[in-house]
Amino acid sequence: MTMLSNEEFAKRVLLLANPAQPFTPTATYDPDGDCIEFLVSAEPFYAERVDDLVTVYYSQRTQEVIGSLIKGVSEFCRTFSEKMPGFRIEIRDGRVKLQHLFLARLWSTQRTRTDLPTLTYKKLITIAEDTEVDGELCLT
């Protein structure tokens, strides 16, 4: 049996450990809550509910928008299609582009709500476009 020093043992253990995979932006659909959680960073965040559809995640370090929770997604898509029949949110193979959801929210409420956080929605649209993240969606 060969005795290893603590330093040699630590080196061997580190060689065996897999390095952590870098974070990639994600959008995860939860069918039980009918919501999509969208994250572009793995850093700590705080949440602020901006309306009945979206809760925005802000970086604790920079206060920049780093994601959101979109609630009642299926119902929103259905009612949006009824309100604006000439415009459809495109869903392909059960996937939806998040920027389309945010943009649809802006379009559907612009005339009826003056308190909608337009700048926040525009930031969400920009980060969704930049990261090219789409979310799963289950319309039943």
Protein backbone atom coordinates (compact mmCIF):
# COMPACT_ATOMS: atom_id res chain seq x y z
CA MET A 1 0.00 0.00 0.00
CA THR A 2 1.35 3.39 -1.01
CA MET A 3 0.92 6.27 1.35
CA LEU A 4 -0.07 9.59 -0.21
CA SER A 5 0.53 12.96 1.27
CA ASN A 6 -2.49 15.17 1.80
CA GLU A 7 -1.39 17.29 -1.17
CA GLU A 8 -1.06 14.26 -3.47
CA PHE A 9 -4.42 12.92 -2.34
CA ALA A 10 -6.07 16.31 -2.98
CA LYS A 11 -4.58 16.42 -6.51
CA ARG A 12 -5.93 12.95 -7.32
CA VAL A 13 -9.39 13.78 -6.01
CA LEU A 14 -9.49 16.97 -8.07
CA LEU A 15 -8.51 15.02 -11.19
CA LEU A 16 -11.43 12.67 -10.62
CA ALA A 17 -13.95 15.42 -10.04
CA ASN A 18 -15.82 16.59 -13.11
CA PRO A 19 -15.68 20.33 -13.59
CA ALA A 20 -19.05 22.00 -13.26
CA GLN A 21 -20.79 22.62 -16.55
CA PRO A 22 -21.14 26.30 -17.42
CA PHE A 23 -24.61 27.72 -16.90
CA THR A 24 -26.76 28.06 -19.98
CA PRO A 25 -29.95 30.14 -20.05
CA THR A 26 -33.03 28.01 -19.52
CA ALA A 27 -36.80 28.10 -19.63
CA THR A 28 -38.58 25.36 -17.71
CA TYR A 29 -42.29 24.67 -17.97
CA ASP A 30 -44.13 23.39 -14.88
CA PRO A 31 -47.42 21.82 -16.02
CA ASP A 32 -48.81 21.68 -12.46
CA GLY A 33 -48.46 25.44 -12.06
CA ASP A 34 -48.88 26.19 -15.78
CA CYS A 35 -45.87 28.47 -15.56
CA ILE A 36 -42.51 28.96 -17.27
CA GLU A 37 -39.44 29.89 -15.25
CA PHE A 38 -36.86 31.72 -17.36
CA LEU A 39 -33.30 32.23 -16.10
CA VAL A 40 -30.34 33.73 -17.95
CA SER A 41 -27.89 33.63 -15.03
CA ALA A 42 -27.16 31.34 -12.10
CA GLU A 43 -26.49 34.21 -9.73
CA PRO A 44 -28.60 34.97 -6.65
CA PHE A 45 -31.71 37.02 -7.41
CA TYR A 46 -34.72 38.64 -5.86
CA ALA A 47 -38.21 38.61 -7.37
CA GLU A 48 -40.77 41.33 -7.97
CA ARG A 49 -44.26 40.61 -9.18
CA VAL A 50 -45.05 43.17 -11.89
CA ASP A 51 -48.56 42.03 -12.85
CA ASP A 52 -50.82 38.99 -12.83
CA LEU A 53 -48.76 37.27 -15.55
CA VAL A 54 -45.09 37.97 -14.77
CA THR A 55 -42.77 37.99 -11.78
CA VAL A 56 -39.37 39.42 -12.72
CA TYR A 57 -36.07 38.17 -11.31
CA TYR A 58 -33.36 40.79 -10.64
CA SER A 59 -29.70 40.10 -9.92
CA GLN A 60 -28.87 40.81 -6.27
CA ARG A 61 -25.45 42.07 -7.39
CA THR A 62 -26.32 44.28 -10.38
CA GLN A 63 -30.11 44.75 -10.07
CA GLU A 64 -30.37 43.85 -13.80
CA VAL A 65 -33.21 41.65 -15.09
CA ILE A 66 -31.98 38.04 -15.22
CA GLY A 67 -35.22 36.12 -15.67
CA SER A 68 -38.86 35.73 -14.85
CA LEU A 69 -41.69 33.48 -13.87
CA ILE A 70 -44.60 33.55 -16.31
CA LYS A 71 -47.76 32.28 -14.63
CA GLY A 72 -50.95 30.98 -16.25
CA VAL A 73 -49.25 30.58 -19.63
CA SER A 74 -51.79 28.31 -21.32
CA GLU A 75 -54.72 30.46 -20.25
CA PHE A 76 -52.93 33.62 -21.37
CA CYS A 77 -52.30 32.13 -24.84
CA ARG A 78 -55.95 31.10 -25.13
CA THR A 79 -57.41 34.43 -24.05
CA PHE A 80 -54.88 36.40 -26.10
CA SER A 81 -55.97 34.50 -29.21
CA GLU A 82 -59.59 35.38 -28.43
CA LYS A 83 -58.83 39.08 -27.82
CA MET A 84 -56.66 39.44 -30.91
CA PRO A 85 -57.84 36.80 -33.39
CA GLY A 86 -55.62 38.08 -36.20
CA PHE A 87 -52.49 37.43 -34.15
CA ARG A 88 -51.44 34.03 -32.90
CA ILE A 89 -48.63 33.13 -30.53
CA GLU A 90 -46.62 30.64 -32.52
CA ILE A 91 -46.14 27.29 -30.82
CA ARG A 92 -44.00 24.73 -32.63
CA ASP A 93 -43.63 21.19 -31.35
CA GLY A 94 -44.88 22.35 -27.97
CA ARG A 95 -42.26 25.15 -27.76
CA VAL A 96 -42.89 28.89 -27.63
CA LYS A 97 -40.45 31.76 -27.99
CA LEU A 98 -40.55 33.67 -24.73
CA GLN A 99 -40.16 37.05 -26.42
CA HIS A 100 -43.47 36.34 -28.20
CA LEU A 101 -45.24 35.90 -24.86
CA PHE A 102 -43.79 39.14 -23.48
CA LEU A 103 -44.59 41.04 -26.67
CA ALA A 104 -48.14 39.65 -26.75
CA ARG A 105 -48.63 40.86 -23.19
CA LEU A 106 -47.52 44.37 -24.20
CA TRP A 107 -49.81 44.40 -27.24
CA SER A 108 -52.84 43.02 -25.45
CA THR A 109 -52.78 45.49 -22.57
CA GLN A 110 -51.29 48.64 -24.07
CA ARG A 111 -54.67 50.28 -24.72
CA THR A 112 -56.33 49.22 -21.48
CA ARG A 113 -53.54 49.57 -18.90
CA THR A 114 -51.33 52.54 -18.27
CA ASP A 115 -49.59 50.92 -15.29
CA LEU A 116 -48.01 48.07 -17.28
CA PRO A 117 -44.23 48.04 -16.67
CA THR A 118 -43.34 48.55 -20.35
CA LEU A 119 -39.61 49.03 -19.78
CA THR A 120 -39.40 45.81 -17.77
CA TYR A 121 -41.24 43.90 -20.50
CA LYS A 122 -38.91 45.36 -23.14
CA LYS A 123 -35.88 44.18 -21.11
CA LEU A 124 -37.41 40.70 -20.87
CA ILE A 125 -38.02 40.68 -24.63
CA THR A 126 -34.39 41.70 -25.27
CA ILE A 127 -32.85 39.04 -23.02
CA ALA A 128 -35.18 36.36 -24.41
CA GLU A 129 -34.14 37.31 -27.97
CA ASP A 130 -30.44 37.53 -27.07
CA THR A 131 -30.39 34.12 -25.38
CA GLU A 132 -32.73 32.50 -27.95
CA VAL A 133 -34.41 30.54 -25.16
CA ASP A 134 -37.83 29.09 -25.80
CA GLY A 135 -40.09 27.32 -23.38
CA GLU A 136 -42.15 24.19 -23.44
CA LEU A 137 -45.86 24.77 -23.39
CA CYS A 138 -48.75 22.40 -22.91
CA LEU A 139 -52.05 23.64 -24.35
CA THR A 140 -54.78 21.14 -23.57
